[in-house]
PDB file of N, CA and C in Angstrom:
ATOM      1  N   UNK A   1     113.922  58.054  84.233  1.00  0.00           N
ATOM      2  CA  UNK A   1     114.864  59.101  83.956  1.00  0.00           C
ATOM      3  C   UNK A   1     116.277  58.539  83.944  1.00  0.00           C
ATOM      4  N   UNK A   2     117.061  59.030  83.047  1.00  0.00           N
ATOM      5  CA  UNK A   2     118.438  58.581  82.961  1.00  0.00           C
ATOM      6  C   UNK A   2     119.225  59.125  84.150  1.00  0.00           C
ATOM      7  N   UNK A   3     120.090  58.284  84.728  1.00  0.00           N
ATOM      8  CA  UNK A   3     120.901  58.711  85.859  1.00  0.00           C
ATOM      9  C   UNK A   3     120.208  58.573  87.201  1.00  0.00           C
ATOM     10  N   UNK A   4     118.995  58.048  87.221  1.00  0.00           N
ATOM     11  CA  UNK A   4     118.277  57.886  88.479  1.00  0.00           C
ATOM     12  C   UNK A   4     118.209  56.424  88.912  1.00  0.00           C
ATOM     13  N   UNK A   5     119.259  55.675  88.650  1.00  0.00           N
ATOM     14  CA  UNK A   5     119.274  54.276  89.056  1.00  0.00           C
ATOM     15  C   UNK A   5     119.422  54.196  90.565  1.00  0.00           C
ATOM     16  N   UNK A   6     119.218  53.004  91.109  1.00  0.00           N
ATOM     17  CA  UNK A   6     119.388  52.807  92.544  1.00  0.00           C
ATOM     18  C   UNK A   6     120.809  53.161  92.975  1.00  0.00           C
ATOM     19  N   UNK A   7     121.806  52.868  92.114  1.00  0.00           N
ATOM     20  CA  UNK A   7     123.181  53.193  92.465  1.00  0.00           C
ATOM     21  C   UNK A   7     123.366  54.691  92.641  1.00  0.00           C
ATOM     22  N   UNK A   8     122.721  55.485  91.802  1.00  0.00           N
ATOM     23  CA  UNK A   8     122.844  56.936  91.904  1.00  0.00           C
ATOM     24  C   UNK A   8     122.229  57.452  93.195  1.00  0.00           C
ATOM     25  N   UNK A   9     121.263  56.713  93.753  1.00  0.00           N
ATOM     26  CA  UNK A   9     120.582  57.132  94.971  1.00  0.00           C
ATOM     27  C   UNK A   9     121.056  56.355  96.191  1.00  0.00           C
ATOM     28  N   UNK A  10     122.189  55.667  96.080  1.00  0.00           N
ATOM     29  CA  UNK A  10     122.735  54.899  97.191  1.00  0.00           C
ATOM     30  C   UNK A  10     123.416  55.855  98.161  1.00  0.00           C
ATOM     31  N   UNK A  11     122.803  56.045  99.326  1.00  0.00           N
ATOM     32  CA  UNK A  11     123.310  57.018 100.285  1.00  0.00           C
ATOM     33  C   UNK A  11     124.230  56.384 101.324  1.00  0.00           C
ATOM     34  N   UNK A  12     124.861  55.280 100.986  1.00  0.00           N
ATOM     35  CA  UNK A  12     125.781  54.647 101.927  1.00  0.00           C
ATOM     36  C   UNK A  12     127.163  55.273 101.857  1.00  0.00           C
ATOM     37  N   UNK A  13     127.398  56.146 100.920  1.00  0.00           N
ATOM     38  CA  UNK A  13     128.724  56.738 100.736  1.00  0.00           C
ATOM     39  C   UNK A  13     128.713  58.221 101.066  1.00  0.00           C
ATOM     40  N   UNK A  14     128.054  58.601 102.139  1.00  0.00           N
ATOM     41  CA  UNK A  14     127.935  60.017 102.501  1.00  0.00           C
ATOM     42  C   UNK A  14     129.251  60.778 102.539  1.00  0.00           C
ATOM     43  N   UNK A  15     130.255  60.296 103.271  1.00  0.00           N
ATOM     44  CA  UNK A  15     131.465  61.113 103.397  1.00  0.00           C
ATOM     45  C   UNK A  15     132.120  61.437 102.059  1.00  0.00           C
ATOM     46  N   UNK A  16     132.091  60.502 101.121  1.00  0.00           N
ATOM     47  CA  UNK A  16     132.710  60.744  99.831  1.00  0.00           C
ATOM     48  C   UNK A  16     131.989  61.836  99.049  1.00  0.00           C
ATOM     49  N   UNK A  17     130.727  62.052  99.333  1.00  0.00           N
ATOM     50  CA  UNK A  17     129.936  63.034  98.604  1.00  0.00           C
ATOM     51  C   UNK A  17     129.749  64.320  99.397  1.00  0.00           C
ATOM     52  N   UNK A  18     130.416  64.431 100.530  1.00  0.00           N
ATOM     53  CA  UNK A  18     130.340  65.640 101.330  1.00  0.00           C
ATOM     54  C   UNK A  18     128.997  65.842 102.011  1.00  0.00           C
ATOM     55  N   UNK A  19     128.210  64.789 102.137  1.00  0.00           N
ATOM     56  CA  UNK A  19     126.911  64.898 102.789  1.00  0.00           C
ATOM     57  C   UNK A  19     127.019  64.465 104.242  1.00  0.00           C
ATOM     58  N   UNK A  20     126.074  64.885 105.035  1.00  0.00           N
ATOM     59  CA  UNK A  20     126.062  64.571 106.453  1.00  0.00           C
ATOM     60  C   UNK A  20     125.417  63.219 106.696  1.00  0.00           C
ATOM     61  N   UNK A  21     126.078  62.397 107.482  1.00  0.00           N
ATOM     62  CA  UNK A  21     125.549  61.079 107.840  1.00  0.00           C
ATOM     63  C   UNK A  21     125.266  61.077 109.331  1.00  0.00           C
ATOM     64  N   UNK A  22     124.077  60.654 109.709  1.00  0.00           N
ATOM     65  CA  UNK A  22     123.691  60.563 111.117  1.00  0.00           C
ATOM     66  C   UNK A  22     123.806  59.128 111.589  1.00  0.00           C
ATOM     67  N   UNK A  23     124.296  58.967 112.826  1.00  0.00           N
ATOM     68  CA  UNK A  23     124.422  57.631 113.400  1.00  0.00           C
ATOM     69  C   UNK A  23     123.725  57.600 114.758  1.00  0.00           C
ATOM     70  N   UNK A  24     123.155  56.460 115.080  1.00  0.00           N
ATOM     71  CA  UNK A  24     122.399  56.305 116.322  1.00  0.00           C
ATOM     72  C   UNK A  24     123.328  55.939 117.473  1.00  0.00           C
ATOM     73  N   UNK A  25     122.806  55.969 118.687  1.00  0.00           N
ATOM     74  CA  UNK A  25     123.595  55.797 119.900  1.00  0.00           C
ATOM     75  C   UNK A  25     124.372  54.479 119.925  1.00  0.00           C
ATOM     76  N   UNK A  26     123.787  53.415 119.448  1.00  0.00           N
ATOM     77  CA  UNK A  26     124.494  52.125 119.445  1.00  0.00           C
ATOM     78  C   UNK A  26     125.770  52.171 118.629  1.00  0.00           C
ATOM     79  N   UNK A  27     125.703  52.840 117.493  1.00  0.00           N
ATOM     80  CA  UNK A  27     126.878  52.979 116.638  1.00  0.00           C
ATOM     81  C   UNK A  27     127.904  53.893 117.304  1.00  0.00           C
ATOM     82  N   UNK A  28     127.440  54.965 117.941  1.00  0.00           N
ATOM     83  CA  UNK A  28     128.342  55.871 118.660  1.00  0.00           C
ATOM     84  C   UNK A  28     129.062  55.101 119.766  1.00  0.00           C
ATOM     85  N   UNK A  29     128.321  54.288 120.499  1.00  0.00           N
ATOM     86  CA  UNK A  29     128.912  53.498 121.569  1.00  0.00           C
ATOM     87  C   UNK A  29     129.960  52.534 121.007  1.00  0.00           C
ATOM     88  N   UNK A  30     129.647  51.912 119.891  1.00  0.00           N
ATOM     89  CA  UNK A  30     130.570  50.976 119.259  1.00  0.00           C
ATOM     90  C   UNK A  30     131.841  51.680 118.786  1.00  0.00           C
ATOM     91  N   UNK A  31     131.697  52.846 118.194  1.00  0.00           N
ATOM     92  CA  UNK A  31     132.854  53.592 117.691  1.00  0.00           C
ATOM     93  C   UNK A  31     133.759  54.088 118.808  1.00  0.00           C
ATOM     94  N   UNK A  32     133.165  54.546 119.899  1.00  0.00           N
ATOM     95  CA  UNK A  32     133.937  55.194 120.959  1.00  0.00           C
ATOM     96  C   UNK A  32     134.333  54.260 122.095  1.00  0.00           C
ATOM     97  N   UNK A  33     133.583  53.192 122.288  1.00  0.00           N
ATOM     98  CA  UNK A  33     133.819  52.319 123.427  1.00  0.00           C
ATOM     99  C   UNK A  33     133.252  52.880 124.721  1.00  0.00           C
ATOM    100  N   UNK A  34     132.468  53.948 124.617  1.00  0.00           N
ATOM    101  CA  UNK A  34     131.879  54.591 125.790  1.00  0.00           C
ATOM    102  C   UNK A  34     130.466  54.068 126.029  1.00  0.00           C
ATOM    103  N   UNK A  35     130.029  54.153 127.278  1.00  0.00           N
ATOM    104  CA  UNK A  35     128.658  53.759 127.601  1.00  0.00           C
ATOM    105  C   UNK A  35     127.686  54.864 127.193  1.00  0.00           C
ATOM    106  N   UNK A  36     126.444  54.496 127.075  1.00  0.00           N
ATOM    107  CA  UNK A  36     125.379  55.441 126.736  1.00  0.00           C
ATOM    108  C   UNK A  36     125.351  56.604 127.728  1.00  0.00           C
ATOM    109  N   UNK A  37     125.361  56.282 129.016  1.00  0.00           N
ATOM    110  CA  UNK A  37     125.251  57.338 130.025  1.00  0.00           C
ATOM    111  C   UNK A  37     126.463  58.266 129.997  1.00  0.00           C
ATOM    112  N   UNK A  38     127.653  57.724 129.734  1.00  0.00           N
ATOM    113  CA  UNK A  38     128.850  58.566 129.706  1.00  0.00           C
ATOM    114  C   UNK A  38     128.848  59.474 128.480  1.00  0.00           C
ATOM    115  N   UNK A  39     128.355  58.998 127.358  1.00  0.00           N
ATOM    116  CA  UNK A  39     128.238  59.832 126.157  1.00  0.00           C
ATOM    117  C   UNK A  39     127.332  61.028 126.451  1.00  0.00           C
ATOM    118  N   UNK A  40     126.183  60.769 127.060  1.00  0.00           N
ATOM    119  CA  UNK A  40     125.262  61.864 127.382  1.00  0.00           C
ATOM    120  C   UNK A  40     125.858  62.809 128.418  1.00  0.00           C
ATOM    121  N   UNK A  41     126.587  62.261 129.407  1.00  0.00           N
ATOM    122  CA  UNK A  41     127.226  63.112 130.415  1.00  0.00           C
ATOM    123  C   UNK A  41     128.290  64.011 129.782  1.00  0.00           C
ATOM    124  N   UNK A  42     129.112  63.447 128.910  1.00  0.00           N
ATOM    125  CA  UNK A  42     130.130  64.249 128.224  1.00  0.00           C
ATOM    126  C   UNK A  42     129.490  65.332 127.355  1.00  0.00           C
ATOM    127  N   UNK A  43     128.399  64.995 126.685  1.00  0.00           N
ATOM    128  CA  UNK A  43     127.700  65.972 125.837  1.00  0.00           C
ATOM    129  C   UNK A  43     127.159  67.119 126.692  1.00  0.00           C
ATOM    130  N   UNK A  44     126.612  66.808 127.857  1.00  0.00           N
ATOM    131  CA  UNK A  44     126.106  67.852 128.758  1.00  0.00           C
ATOM    132  C   UNK A  44     127.226  68.784 129.208  1.00  0.00           C
ATOM    133  N   UNK A  45     128.428  68.229 129.357  1.00  0.00           N
ATOM    134  CA  UNK A  45     129.599  69.020 129.758  1.00  0.00           C
ATOM    135  C   UNK A  45     130.272  69.699 128.561  1.00  0.00           C
ATOM    136  N   UNK A  46     129.681  69.532 127.366  1.00  0.00           N
ATOM    137  CA  UNK A  46     130.228  70.076 126.118  1.00  0.00           C
ATOM    138  C   UNK A  46     131.606  69.496 125.796  1.00  0.00           C
ATOM    139  N   UNK A  47     131.803  68.232 126.181  1.00  0.00           N
ATOM    140  CA  UNK A  47     133.056  67.530 125.901  1.00  0.00           C
ATOM    141  C   UNK A  47     132.862  66.441 124.860  1.00  0.00           C
ATOM    142  N   UNK A  48     131.663  66.373 124.275  1.00  0.00           N
ATOM    143  CA  UNK A  48     131.330  65.407 123.237  1.00  0.00           C
ATOM    144  C   UNK A  48     130.323  66.087 122.321  1.00  0.00           C
ATOM    145  N   UNK A  49     130.310  65.741 121.033  1.00  0.00           N
ATOM    146  CA  UNK A  49     129.363  66.381 120.116  1.00  0.00           C
ATOM    147  C   UNK A  49     127.909  66.256 120.575  1.00  0.00           C
ATOM    148  N   UNK A  50     127.134  67.294 120.300  1.00  0.00           N
ATOM    149  CA  UNK A  50     125.709  67.280 120.627  1.00  0.00           C
ATOM    150  C   UNK A  50     124.962  66.378 119.652  1.00  0.00           C
ATOM    151  N   UNK A  51     123.921  65.761 120.154  1.00  0.00           N
ATOM    152  CA  UNK A  51     123.075  64.945 119.286  1.00  0.00           C
ATOM    153  C   UNK A  51     122.085  65.831 118.540  1.00  0.00           C
ATOM    154  N   UNK A  52     121.470  65.239 117.530  1.00  0.00           N
ATOM    155  CA  UNK A  52     120.519  65.930 116.669  1.00  0.00           C
ATOM    156  C   UNK A  52     119.165  65.239 116.803  1.00  0.00           C
ATOM    157  N   UNK A  53     118.087  65.994 117.029  1.00  0.00           N
ATOM    158  CA  UNK A  53     116.767  65.340 117.061  1.00  0.00           C
ATOM    159  C   UNK A  53     116.403  64.859 115.653  1.00  0.00           C
ATOM    160  N   UNK A  54     115.922  63.630 115.561  1.00  0.00           N
ATOM    161  CA  UNK A  54     115.554  63.086 114.249  1.00  0.00           C
ATOM    162  C   UNK A  54     114.193  63.583 113.788  1.00  0.00           C
ATOM    163  N   UNK A  55     113.322  63.872 114.747  1.00  0.00           N
ATOM    164  CA  UNK A  55     111.992  64.378 114.438  1.00  0.00           C
ATOM    165  C   UNK A  55     111.703  65.524 115.399  1.00  0.00           C
ATOM    166  N   UNK A  56     111.242  66.622 114.872  1.00  0.00           N
ATOM    167  CA  UNK A  56     110.910  67.759 115.722  1.00  0.00           C
ATOM    168  C   UNK A  56     109.897  67.346 116.782  1.00  0.00           C
ATOM    169  N   UNK A  57     110.232  67.585 118.038  1.00  0.00           N
ATOM    170  CA  UNK A  57     109.341  67.210 119.135  1.00  0.00           C
ATOM    171  C   UNK A  57     109.449  65.765 119.552  1.00  0.00           C
ATOM    172  N   UNK A  58     110.233  64.973 118.831  1.00  0.00           N
ATOM    173  CA  UNK A  58     110.370  63.552 119.159  1.00  0.00           C
ATOM    174  C   UNK A  58     111.510  63.300 120.122  1.00  0.00           C
ATOM    175  N   UNK A  59     111.675  62.046 120.490  1.00  0.00           N
ATOM    176  CA  UNK A  59     112.737  61.688 121.429  1.00  0.00           C
ATOM    177  C   UNK A  59     113.916  60.998 120.758  1.00  0.00           C
ATOM    178  N   UNK A  60     113.766  60.583 119.508  1.00  0.00           N
ATOM    179  CA  UNK A  60     114.855  59.906 118.801  1.00  0.00           C
ATOM    180  C   UNK A  60     115.940  60.899 118.435  1.00  0.00           C
ATOM    181  N   UNK A  61     117.193  60.497 118.705  1.00  0.00           N
ATOM    182  CA  UNK A  61     118.325  61.382 118.455  1.00  0.00           C
ATOM    183  C   UNK A  61     119.418  60.613 117.729  1.00  0.00           C
ATOM    184  N   UNK A  62     120.297  61.350 117.087  1.00  0.00           N
ATOM    185  CA  UNK A  62     121.440  60.762 116.398  1.00  0.00           C
ATOM    186  C   UNK A  62     122.585  61.762 116.449  1.00  0.00           C
ATOM    187  N   UNK A  63     123.749  61.318 116.031  1.00  0.00           N
ATOM    188  CA  UNK A  63     124.934  62.172 116.017  1.00  0.00           C
ATOM    189  C   UNK A  63     125.452  62.279 114.602  1.00  0.00           C
ATOM    190  N   UNK A  64     126.096  63.402 114.302  1.00  0.00           N
ATOM    191  CA  UNK A  64     126.734  63.584 112.999  1.00  0.00           C
ATOM    192  C   UNK A  64     128.003  62.733 113.021  1.00  0.00           C
ATOM    193  N   UNK A  65     128.089  61.788 112.098  1.00  0.00           N
ATOM    194  CA  UNK A  65     129.205  60.841 112.084  1.00  0.00           C
ATOM    195  C   UNK A  65     130.550  61.550 112.017  1.00  0.00           C
ATOM    196  N   UNK A  66     130.669  62.585 111.206  1.00  0.00           N
ATOM    197  CA  UNK A  66     131.940  63.300 111.067  1.00  0.00           C
ATOM    198  C   UNK A  66     132.351  63.966 112.374  1.00  0.00           C
ATOM    199  N   UNK A  67     131.390  64.446 113.157  1.00  0.00           N
ATOM    200  CA  UNK A  67     131.703  65.080 114.437  1.00  0.00           C
ATOM    201  C   UNK A  67     132.202  64.049 115.448  1.00  0.00           C
ATOM    202  N   UNK A  68     131.595  62.865 115.442  1.00  0.00           N
ATOM    203  CA  UNK A  68     132.046  61.805 116.339  1.00  0.00           C
ATOM    204  C   UNK A  68     133.451  61.355 115.934  1.00  0.00           C
ATOM    205  N   UNK A  69     133.676  61.212 114.622  1.00  0.00           N
ATOM    206  CA  UNK A  69     135.007  60.812 114.157  1.00  0.00           C
ATOM    207  C   UNK A  69     136.047  61.872 114.496  1.00  0.00           C
ATOM    208  N   UNK A  70     135.688  63.140 114.388  1.00  0.00           N
ATOM    209  CA  UNK A  70     136.601  64.214 114.760  1.00  0.00           C
ATOM    210  C   UNK A  70     136.937  64.138 116.251  1.00  0.00           C
ATOM    211  N   UNK A  71     135.939  63.843 117.089  1.00  0.00           N
ATOM    212  CA  UNK A  71     136.165  63.689 118.528  1.00  0.00           C
ATOM    213  C   UNK A  71     137.161  62.559 118.778  1.00  0.00           C
ATOM    214  N   UNK A  72     136.977  61.437 118.086  1.00  0.00           N
ATOM    215  CA  UNK A  72     137.892  60.302 118.215  1.00  0.00           C
ATOM    216  C   UNK A  72     139.304  60.714 117.777  1.00  0.00           C
ATOM    217  N   UNK A  73     139.406  61.406 116.648  1.00  0.00           N
ATOM    218  CA  UNK A  73     140.707  61.848 116.139  1.00  0.00           C
ATOM    219  C   UNK A  73     141.384  62.795 117.132  1.00  0.00           C
ATOM    220  N   UNK A  74     140.607  63.668 117.761  1.00  0.00           N
ATOM    221  CA  UNK A  74     141.164  64.592 118.750  1.00  0.00           C
ATOM    222  C   UNK A  74     141.695  63.840 119.968  1.00  0.00           C
ATOM    223  N   UNK A  75     140.995  62.777 120.386  1.00  0.00           N
ATOM    224  CA  UNK A  75     141.474  61.985 121.517  1.00  0.00           C
ATOM    225  C   UNK A  75     142.817  61.343 121.170  1.00  0.00           C
ATOM    226  N   UNK A  76     142.917  60.822 119.953  1.00  0.00           N
ATOM    227  CA  UNK A  76     144.160  60.189 119.510  1.00  0.00           C
ATOM    228  C   UNK A  76     145.282  61.212 119.424  1.00  0.00           C
ATOM    229  N   UNK A  77     145.004  62.388 118.874  1.00  0.00           N
ATOM    230  CA  UNK A  77     146.022  63.441 118.762  1.00  0.00           C
ATOM    231  C   UNK A  77     146.480  63.883 120.147  1.00  0.00           C
ATOM    232  N   UNK A  78     145.539  63.988 121.087  1.00  0.00           N
ATOM    233  CA  UNK A  78     145.886  64.377 122.460  1.00  0.00           C
ATOM    234  C   UNK A  78     146.812  63.338 123.084  1.00  0.00           C
ATOM    235  N   UNK A  79     146.496  62.079 122.871  1.00  0.00           N
ATOM    236  CA  UNK A  79     147.345  61.000 123.378  1.00  0.00           C
ATOM    237  C   UNK A  79     148.758  61.093 122.801  1.00  0.00           C
ATOM    238  N   UNK A  80     148.861  61.353 121.499  1.00  0.00           N
ATOM    239  CA  UNK A  80     150.156  61.425 120.834  1.00  0.00           C
ATOM    240  C   UNK A  80     150.982  62.616 121.308  1.00  0.00           C
ATOM    241  N   UNK A  81     150.316  63.736 121.634  1.00  0.00           N
ATOM    242  CA  UNK A  81     151.031  64.907 122.133  1.00  0.00           C
ATOM    243  C   UNK A  81     151.603  64.641 123.526  1.00  0.00           C
ATOM    244  N   UNK A  82     150.900  63.826 124.304  1.00  0.00           N
ATOM    245  CA  UNK A  82     151.336  63.524 125.664  1.00  0.00           C
ATOM    246  C   UNK A  82     152.483  62.525 125.700  1.00  0.00           C
ATOM    247  N   UNK A  83     152.648  61.767 124.645  1.00  0.00           N
ATOM    248  CA  UNK A  83     153.682  60.710 124.609  1.00  0.00           C
ATOM    249  C   UNK A  83     155.083  61.275 124.531  1.00  0.00           C
TER     250      UNK A  83
END
């Protein structure tokens, strides 16, 4: 089919296409500089985005990349307001 090349199905550019991108805990830790346990503790306190189950009934979880980035942006904005 025309228009169905691998490039058309390249899902590495989620944000540009308005689609949701999920990231795993290692990437969340890398982006935020927080430990695994602290991320989960903050989420329990509703101070960090909730994770999403990858499979119904499974244990694998991920986070919406845009929500994590928004959390990071909010931390930066809070810092700037305090300055």
